[in-house]
Amino acid sequence: MSTATEVIAHHWAFVVFIVIAFGLCVFMLAGGWLLGGRARARHKNTPFESGIDPVGSTHMRLSAKFYLVAMFFVIFDVEALFLYAWSTSIRESGWVGFAEALIFILVLLAGLIYLARIGALDWAPARRRVVVKTPAVSHTNPHKQ
């Protein structure tokens, strides 16, 4: 047997998987093209959502804060998943696992405190934030006699 035949014989399952995956992709693309509608109408390509006609432009400018909040949510959500996995195996991990989880939580807490201190979690724009000013205390007597 040649070397190429041995490699194919050794990895036949992977080759079958790749062939089936590409075949399925081609089948789905061809099926959509063959079975898809070809009707053209005046309102065919206009966006329509929840029974409401579109108003205005679809090109809205969003603040980067929305994307930051979404990234923070994903980051902290994944950490919650890690903590859930740790909590299901608490008996097997013992005190060493508890100490590692405690360090993990402290690192998360430090990251959350850092984000709060730099203002990354402030949702309101700077022009709407209310600055609380304390009144200046005067040590002079305002009532002169």
N, C-alpha and C. Protein backbone atom coordinates (compact mmCIF):
# COMPACT_ATOMS: atom_id res chain seq x y z
N MET A 1 0.83 -1.17 0.00
CA MET A 1 0.00 0.00 0.00
C MET A 1 0.88 1.24 0.00
N SER A 2 0.48 2.26 -0.76
CA SER A 2 1.28 3.49 -0.81
C SER A 2 1.00 4.35 0.42
N THR A 3 1.82 5.34 0.61
CA THR A 3 1.70 6.21 1.78
C THR A 3 0.41 7.01 1.73
N ALA A 4 0.04 7.50 0.55
CA ALA A 4 -1.20 8.27 0.43
C ALA A 4 -2.42 7.41 0.75
N THR A 5 -2.42 6.19 0.31
CA THR A 5 -3.54 5.29 0.59
C THR A 5 -3.62 4.98 2.08
N GLU A 6 -2.48 4.82 2.73
CA GLU A 6 -2.47 4.57 4.17
C GLU A 6 -3.02 5.76 4.94
N VAL A 7 -2.67 6.98 4.51
CA VAL A 7 -3.16 8.17 5.19
C VAL A 7 -4.68 8.28 5.04
N ILE A 8 -5.18 8.03 3.82
CA ILE A 8 -6.62 8.08 3.59
C ILE A 8 -7.33 6.98 4.37
N ALA A 9 -6.75 5.79 4.38
CA ALA A 9 -7.36 4.69 5.13
C ALA A 9 -7.36 4.97 6.63
N HIS A 10 -6.34 5.67 7.10
CA HIS A 10 -6.24 5.97 8.53
C HIS A 10 -7.21 7.08 8.93
N HIS A 11 -7.45 8.04 8.03
CA HIS A 11 -8.30 9.19 8.34
C HIS A 11 -9.58 9.18 7.51
N TRP A 12 -10.15 8.03 7.24
CA TRP A 12 -11.31 7.94 6.37
C TRP A 12 -12.52 8.65 6.95
N ALA A 13 -12.69 8.63 8.26
CA ALA A 13 -13.86 9.28 8.86
C ALA A 13 -13.81 10.79 8.66
N PHE A 14 -12.63 11.37 8.79
CA PHE A 14 -12.49 12.81 8.58
C PHE A 14 -12.76 13.18 7.13
N VAL A 15 -12.28 12.38 6.19
CA VAL A 15 -12.51 12.64 4.78
C VAL A 15 -14.00 12.53 4.47
N VAL A 16 -14.68 11.54 5.02
CA VAL A 16 -16.12 11.40 4.81
C VAL A 16 -16.86 12.60 5.40
N PHE A 17 -16.45 13.06 6.57
CA PHE A 17 -17.07 14.23 7.19
C PHE A 17 -16.92 15.47 6.31
N ILE A 18 -15.73 15.71 5.79
CA ILE A 18 -15.49 16.88 4.94
C ILE A 18 -16.33 16.80 3.66
N VAL A 19 -16.38 15.62 3.05
CA VAL A 19 -17.17 15.46 1.82
C VAL A 19 -18.65 15.70 2.09
N ILE A 20 -19.17 15.15 3.17
CA ILE A 20 -20.58 15.35 3.51
C ILE A 20 -20.86 16.81 3.85
N ALA A 21 -19.96 17.48 4.56
CA ALA A 21 -20.16 18.89 4.92
C ALA A 21 -20.21 19.76 3.67
N PHE A 22 -19.26 19.58 2.75
CA PHE A 22 -19.29 20.36 1.51
C PHE A 22 -20.51 20.01 0.67
N GLY A 23 -20.87 18.74 0.62
CA GLY A 23 -22.06 18.34 -0.14
C GLY A 23 -23.32 18.96 0.43
N LEU A 24 -23.44 19.02 1.76
CA LEU A 24 -24.60 19.63 2.38
C LEU A 24 -24.66 21.13 2.08
N CYS A 25 -23.52 21.80 2.12
CA CYS A 25 -23.48 23.24 1.80
C CYS A 25 -23.92 23.48 0.36
N VAL A 26 -23.40 22.69 -0.57
CA VAL A 26 -23.78 22.83 -1.98
C VAL A 26 -25.26 22.54 -2.15
N PHE A 27 -25.78 21.51 -1.49
CA PHE A 27 -27.19 21.15 -1.58
C PHE A 27 -28.08 22.30 -1.08
N MET A 28 -27.73 22.90 0.06
CA MET A 28 -28.55 23.98 0.60
C MET A 28 -28.50 25.22 -0.28
N LEU A 29 -27.33 25.57 -0.80
CA LEU A 29 -27.24 26.73 -1.69
C LEU A 29 -28.00 26.50 -2.99
N ALA A 30 -27.86 25.32 -3.57
CA ALA A 30 -28.57 25.01 -4.81
C ALA A 30 -30.07 24.93 -4.57
N GLY A 31 -30.49 24.36 -3.46
CA GLY A 31 -31.91 24.28 -3.14
C GLY A 31 -32.54 25.65 -2.97
N GLY A 32 -31.85 26.56 -2.30
CA GLY A 32 -32.35 27.92 -2.15
C GLY A 32 -32.44 28.66 -3.47
N TRP A 33 -31.48 28.42 -4.33
CA TRP A 33 -31.49 29.08 -5.64
C TRP A 33 -32.60 28.52 -6.52
N LEU A 34 -32.80 27.19 -6.48
CA LEU A 34 -33.82 26.57 -7.33
C LEU A 34 -35.24 26.81 -6.80
N LEU A 35 -35.44 26.75 -5.51
CA LEU A 35 -36.77 26.85 -4.93
C LEU A 35 -37.15 28.26 -4.50
N GLY A 36 -36.21 29.18 -4.50
CA GLY A 36 -36.47 30.54 -4.04
C GLY A 36 -37.40 31.29 -4.97
N GLY A 37 -38.14 32.24 -4.38
CA GLY A 37 -39.06 33.04 -5.19
C GLY A 37 -38.32 34.04 -6.06
N ARG A 38 -38.90 34.28 -7.23
CA ARG A 38 -38.29 35.23 -8.15
C ARG A 38 -39.24 36.37 -8.48
N ALA A 39 -40.27 36.56 -7.68
CA ALA A 39 -41.25 37.61 -7.95
C ALA A 39 -40.64 38.98 -7.65
N ARG A 40 -40.95 39.94 -8.48
CA ARG A 40 -40.49 41.31 -8.29
C ARG A 40 -41.72 42.20 -8.13
N ALA A 41 -41.71 43.02 -7.13
CA ALA A 41 -42.81 43.94 -6.89
C ALA A 41 -42.27 45.23 -6.31
N ARG A 42 -43.14 46.23 -6.21
CA ARG A 42 -42.69 47.53 -5.76
C ARG A 42 -42.24 47.49 -4.30
N HIS A 43 -42.96 46.78 -3.45
CA HIS A 43 -42.64 46.74 -2.02
C HIS A 43 -41.93 45.45 -1.62
N LYS A 44 -41.45 44.68 -2.57
CA LYS A 44 -40.84 43.39 -2.27
C LYS A 44 -39.57 43.53 -1.43
N ASN A 45 -38.74 44.49 -1.73
CA ASN A 45 -37.45 44.61 -1.05
C ASN A 45 -37.42 45.67 0.05
N THR A 46 -38.57 46.18 0.46
CA THR A 46 -38.59 47.14 1.56
C THR A 46 -38.60 46.41 2.89
N PRO A 47 -37.91 46.92 3.88
CA PRO A 47 -37.90 46.25 5.18
C PRO A 47 -39.27 46.34 5.85
N PHE A 48 -39.64 45.29 6.53
CA PHE A 48 -40.95 45.22 7.18
C PHE A 48 -40.76 44.43 8.46
N GLU A 49 -41.06 45.06 9.59
CA GLU A 49 -40.84 44.36 10.85
C GLU A 49 -42.03 44.55 11.77
N SER A 50 -42.57 43.48 12.24
CA SER A 50 -43.64 43.46 13.24
C SER A 50 -44.85 44.26 12.81
N GLY A 51 -45.15 44.30 11.54
CA GLY A 51 -46.33 44.99 11.07
C GLY A 51 -46.22 46.49 11.03
N ILE A 52 -45.03 47.03 11.22
CA ILE A 52 -44.84 48.49 11.24
C ILE A 52 -44.03 48.87 10.02
N ASP A 53 -44.52 49.86 9.28
CA ASP A 53 -43.78 50.36 8.13
C ASP A 53 -42.53 51.07 8.61
N PRO A 54 -41.44 50.97 7.86
CA PRO A 54 -40.21 51.64 8.28
C PRO A 54 -40.33 53.16 8.22
N VAL A 55 -39.74 53.82 9.20
CA VAL A 55 -39.74 55.27 9.26
C VAL A 55 -38.30 55.72 9.41
N GLY A 56 -37.87 56.60 8.57
CA GLY A 56 -36.52 57.14 8.67
C GLY A 56 -35.50 56.23 8.02
N SER A 57 -34.25 56.52 8.29
CA SER A 57 -33.15 55.79 7.70
C SER A 57 -32.75 54.62 8.60
N THR A 58 -32.23 53.58 7.98
CA THR A 58 -31.75 52.44 8.76
C THR A 58 -30.31 52.63 9.23
N HIS A 59 -29.67 53.67 8.77
CA HIS A 59 -28.27 53.92 9.14
C HIS A 59 -28.24 54.84 10.35
N MET A 60 -28.33 54.24 11.53
CA MET A 60 -28.27 55.01 12.77
C MET A 60 -26.86 54.96 13.32
N ARG A 61 -26.44 56.05 13.87
CA ARG A 61 -25.14 56.10 14.52
C ARG A 61 -25.33 55.80 15.99
N LEU A 62 -24.69 54.74 16.44
CA LEU A 62 -24.78 54.35 17.84
C LEU A 62 -23.47 54.65 18.54
N SER A 63 -23.58 54.94 19.79
CA SER A 63 -22.39 55.20 20.59
C SER A 63 -21.61 53.91 20.78
N ALA A 64 -20.31 54.04 20.93
CA ALA A 64 -19.47 52.86 21.18
C ALA A 64 -19.76 52.26 22.55
N LYS A 65 -20.42 53.02 23.42
CA LYS A 65 -20.76 52.51 24.76
C LYS A 65 -21.66 51.28 24.67
N PHE A 66 -22.55 51.25 23.67
CA PHE A 66 -23.43 50.10 23.53
C PHE A 66 -22.62 48.84 23.23
N TYR A 67 -21.61 48.98 22.39
CA TYR A 67 -20.78 47.83 22.05
C TYR A 67 -19.91 47.42 23.25
N LEU A 68 -19.43 48.41 24.01
CA LEU A 68 -18.65 48.08 25.20
C LEU A 68 -19.50 47.32 26.22
N VAL A 69 -20.73 47.78 26.42
CA VAL A 69 -21.60 47.10 27.37
C VAL A 69 -21.88 45.67 26.90
N ALA A 70 -22.07 45.49 25.60
CA ALA A 70 -22.30 44.15 25.08
C ALA A 70 -21.08 43.26 25.29
N MET A 71 -19.88 43.81 25.08
CA MET A 71 -18.66 43.02 25.30
C MET A 71 -18.49 42.68 26.77
N PHE A 72 -18.76 43.65 27.66
CA PHE A 72 -18.65 43.38 29.09
C PHE A 72 -19.65 42.29 29.50
N PHE A 73 -20.85 42.34 28.95
CA PHE A 73 -21.84 41.32 29.27
C PHE A 73 -21.35 39.95 28.85
N VAL A 74 -20.81 39.84 27.65
CA VAL A 74 -20.33 38.54 27.17
C VAL A 74 -19.19 38.05 28.04
N ILE A 75 -18.27 38.95 28.38
CA ILE A 75 -17.11 38.56 29.19
C ILE A 75 -17.57 38.04 30.55
N PHE A 76 -18.42 38.81 31.23
CA PHE A 76 -18.84 38.40 32.56
C PHE A 76 -19.83 37.23 32.51
N ASP A 77 -20.54 37.07 31.42
CA ASP A 77 -21.42 35.93 31.27
C ASP A 77 -20.61 34.64 31.12
N VAL A 78 -19.53 34.68 30.38
CA VAL A 78 -18.67 33.50 30.23
C VAL A 78 -18.03 33.14 31.57
N GLU A 79 -17.65 34.14 32.35
CA GLU A 79 -17.10 33.84 33.66
C GLU A 79 -18.14 33.21 34.57
N ALA A 80 -19.39 33.62 34.44
CA ALA A 80 -20.45 32.97 35.22
C ALA A 80 -20.59 31.51 34.82
N LEU A 81 -20.38 31.22 33.55
CA LEU A 81 -20.42 29.83 33.10
C LEU A 81 -19.28 29.03 33.73
N PHE A 82 -18.10 29.62 33.81
CA PHE A 82 -16.97 28.93 34.46
C PHE A 82 -17.27 28.68 35.93
N LEU A 83 -17.86 29.67 36.59
CA LEU A 83 -18.18 29.50 38.01
C LEU A 83 -19.27 28.44 38.20
N TYR A 84 -20.20 28.35 37.27
CA TYR A 84 -21.22 27.31 37.38
C TYR A 84 -20.58 25.92 37.23
N ALA A 85 -19.67 25.79 36.27
CA ALA A 85 -18.98 24.51 36.11
C ALA A 85 -18.17 24.16 37.36
N TRP A 86 -17.55 25.17 37.97
CA TRP A 86 -16.79 24.94 39.20
C TRP A 86 -17.73 24.50 40.32
N SER A 87 -18.90 25.14 40.39
CA SER A 87 -19.81 24.82 41.49
C SER A 87 -20.38 23.41 41.39
N THR A 88 -20.47 22.87 40.17
CA THR A 88 -20.97 21.51 40.04
C THR A 88 -19.93 20.47 40.41
N SER A 89 -18.65 20.86 40.42
CA SER A 89 -17.60 19.91 40.76
C SER A 89 -16.86 20.32 42.03
N ILE A 90 -17.56 20.94 42.95
CA ILE A 90 -16.92 21.47 44.16
C ILE A 90 -16.36 20.36 45.04
N ARG A 91 -17.02 19.22 45.10
CA ARG A 91 -16.54 18.15 45.96
C ARG A 91 -15.26 17.52 45.44
N GLU A 92 -15.13 17.43 44.12
CA GLU A 92 -13.93 16.84 43.53
C GLU A 92 -12.74 17.79 43.60
N SER A 93 -13.00 19.09 43.53
CA SER A 93 -11.89 20.04 43.50
C SER A 93 -11.34 20.35 44.88
N GLY A 94 -12.15 20.22 45.92
CA GLY A 94 -11.67 20.40 47.30
C GLY A 94 -11.28 21.84 47.61
N TRP A 95 -10.40 21.98 48.62
CA TRP A 95 -9.99 23.31 49.06
C TRP A 95 -9.10 24.01 48.04
N VAL A 96 -8.34 23.24 47.28
CA VAL A 96 -7.49 23.85 46.25
C VAL A 96 -8.37 24.49 45.18
N GLY A 97 -9.42 23.80 44.78
CA GLY A 97 -10.36 24.35 43.82
C GLY A 97 -11.07 25.57 44.35
N PHE A 98 -11.40 25.54 45.66
CA PHE A 98 -12.03 26.69 46.28
C PHE A 98 -11.10 27.90 46.26
N ALA A 99 -9.83 27.69 46.58
CA ALA A 99 -8.87 28.80 46.55
C ALA A 99 -8.70 29.34 45.13
N GLU A 100 -8.65 28.46 44.14
CA GLU A 100 -8.53 28.92 42.76
C GLU A 100 -9.77 29.70 42.33
N ALA A 101 -10.96 29.24 42.72
CA ALA A 101 -12.18 29.96 42.38
C ALA A 101 -12.23 31.31 43.09
N LEU A 102 -11.74 31.37 44.31
CA LEU A 102 -11.69 32.63 45.04
C LEU A 102 -10.76 33.62 44.34
N ILE A 103 -9.62 33.16 43.88
CA ILE A 103 -8.70 34.03 43.13
C ILE A 103 -9.37 34.49 41.84
N PHE A 104 -10.06 33.58 41.17
CA PHE A 104 -10.77 33.92 39.93
C PHE A 104 -11.82 35.00 40.19
N ILE A 105 -12.59 34.85 41.27
CA ILE A 105 -13.61 35.84 41.60
C ILE A 105 -12.98 37.17 41.96
N LEU A 106 -11.86 37.16 42.67
CA LEU A 106 -11.19 38.41 43.03
C LEU A 106 -10.66 39.13 41.79
N VAL A 107 -10.15 38.38 40.82
CA VAL A 107 -9.69 39.00 39.57
C VAL A 107 -10.88 39.62 38.83
N LEU A 108 -12.01 38.92 38.80
CA LEU A 108 -13.22 39.46 38.18
C LEU A 108 -13.69 40.73 38.89
N LEU A 109 -13.66 40.70 40.21
CA LEU A 109 -14.07 41.85 40.99
C LEU A 109 -13.14 43.04 40.75
N ALA A 110 -11.85 42.77 40.64
CA ALA A 110 -10.90 43.85 40.35
C ALA A 110 -11.17 44.44 38.96
N GLY A 111 -11.48 43.58 38.00
CA GLY A 111 -11.82 44.09 36.67
C GLY A 111 -13.09 44.91 36.67
N LEU A 112 -14.10 44.48 37.42
CA LEU A 112 -15.34 45.23 37.51
C LEU A 112 -15.14 46.57 38.19
N ILE A 113 -14.35 46.61 39.24
CA ILE A 113 -14.04 47.87 39.92
C ILE A 113 -13.28 48.80 38.99
N TYR A 114 -12.34 48.27 38.23
CA TYR A 114 -11.59 49.08 37.27
C TYR A 114 -12.52 49.68 36.23
N LEU A 115 -13.43 48.87 35.69
CA LEU A 115 -14.37 49.37 34.69
C LEU A 115 -15.27 50.45 35.27
N ALA A 116 -15.70 50.29 36.51
CA ALA A 116 -16.54 51.30 37.14
C ALA A 116 -15.76 52.59 37.39
N ARG A 117 -14.49 52.48 37.75
CA ARG A 117 -13.70 53.68 38.05
C ARG A 117 -13.36 54.49 36.82
N ILE A 118 -13.14 53.81 35.68
CA ILE A 118 -12.81 54.57 34.47
C ILE A 118 -14.06 55.08 33.76
N GLY A 119 -15.25 54.72 34.27
CA GLY A 119 -16.49 55.21 33.70
C GLY A 119 -17.01 54.40 32.54
N ALA A 120 -16.51 53.20 32.35
CA ALA A 120 -16.96 52.38 31.23
C ALA A 120 -18.37 51.87 31.42
N LEU A 121 -18.87 51.87 32.64
CA LEU A 121 -20.21 51.37 32.90
C LEU A 121 -21.24 52.49 33.01
N ASP A 122 -20.82 53.74 32.79
CA ASP A 122 -21.76 54.87 32.81
C ASP A 122 -22.50 54.90 31.49
N TRP A 123 -23.80 54.77 31.53
CA TRP A 123 -24.58 54.71 30.30
C TRP A 123 -24.96 56.09 29.81
N ALA A 124 -25.14 57.03 30.71
CA ALA A 124 -25.58 58.36 30.30
C ALA A 124 -24.43 59.14 29.67
N PRO A 125 -24.72 59.93 28.65
CA PRO A 125 -23.68 60.76 28.08
C PRO A 125 -23.18 61.78 29.09
N ALA A 126 -22.03 62.34 28.84
CA ALA A 126 -21.41 63.28 29.79
C ALA A 126 -22.26 64.52 29.99
N ARG A 127 -22.99 64.95 28.98
CA ARG A 127 -23.78 66.17 29.12
C ARG A 127 -25.02 65.97 29.98
N ARG A 128 -25.43 64.72 30.22
CA ARG A 128 -26.60 64.48 31.05
C ARG A 128 -26.25 64.06 32.47
N ARG A 129 -25.00 63.82 32.75
CA ARG A 129 -24.61 63.44 34.10
C ARG A 129 -24.75 64.63 35.03
N VAL A 130 -25.29 64.39 36.16
CA VAL A 130 -25.47 65.45 37.15
C VAL A 130 -24.28 65.44 38.09
N VAL A 131 -23.63 66.57 38.19
CA VAL A 131 -22.49 66.70 39.10
C VAL A 131 -23.00 67.28 40.40
N VAL A 132 -22.76 66.58 41.48
CA VAL A 132 -23.21 67.03 42.79
C VAL A 132 -22.11 67.91 43.38
N LYS A 133 -22.48 69.15 43.65
CA LYS A 133 -21.51 70.08 44.23
C LYS A 133 -21.90 70.32 45.68
N THR A 134 -20.90 70.25 46.53
CA THR A 134 -21.16 70.54 47.95
C THR A 134 -21.00 72.03 48.16
N PRO A 135 -21.86 72.63 48.96
CA PRO A 135 -21.74 74.08 49.19
C PRO A 135 -20.50 74.38 50.01
N ALA A 136 -19.89 75.48 49.67
CA ALA A 136 -18.68 75.89 50.40
C ALA A 136 -19.09 76.40 51.77
N VAL A 137 -18.40 75.95 52.77
CA VAL A 137 -18.71 76.34 54.15
C VAL A 137 -17.85 77.54 54.50
N SER A 138 -18.52 78.61 54.93
CA SER A 138 -17.80 79.82 55.31
C SER A 138 -17.66 79.87 56.82
N HIS A 139 -16.47 80.22 57.28
CA HIS A 139 -16.23 80.29 58.72
C HIS A 139 -16.38 81.70 59.25
N THR A 140 -16.78 82.60 58.39
CA THR A 140 -17.00 83.99 58.85
C THR A 140 -18.43 84.14 59.29
N ASN A 141 -18.68 85.09 60.10
CA ASN A 141 -20.01 85.35 60.62
C ASN A 141 -20.78 86.17 59.59
N PRO A 142 -21.86 85.62 59.01
CA PRO A 142 -22.59 86.39 58.01
C PRO A 142 -23.44 87.51 58.62
N HIS A 143 -23.70 87.45 59.91
CA HIS A 143 -24.53 88.45 60.58
C HIS A 143 -23.62 89.45 61.29
N LYS A 144 -23.36 90.55 60.64
CA LYS A 144 -22.49 91.56 61.27
C LYS A 144 -23.37 92.51 62.06
N GLN A 145 -22.88 92.93 63.17
CA GLN A 145 -23.66 93.83 64.01
C GLN A 145 -23.06 95.18 64.08
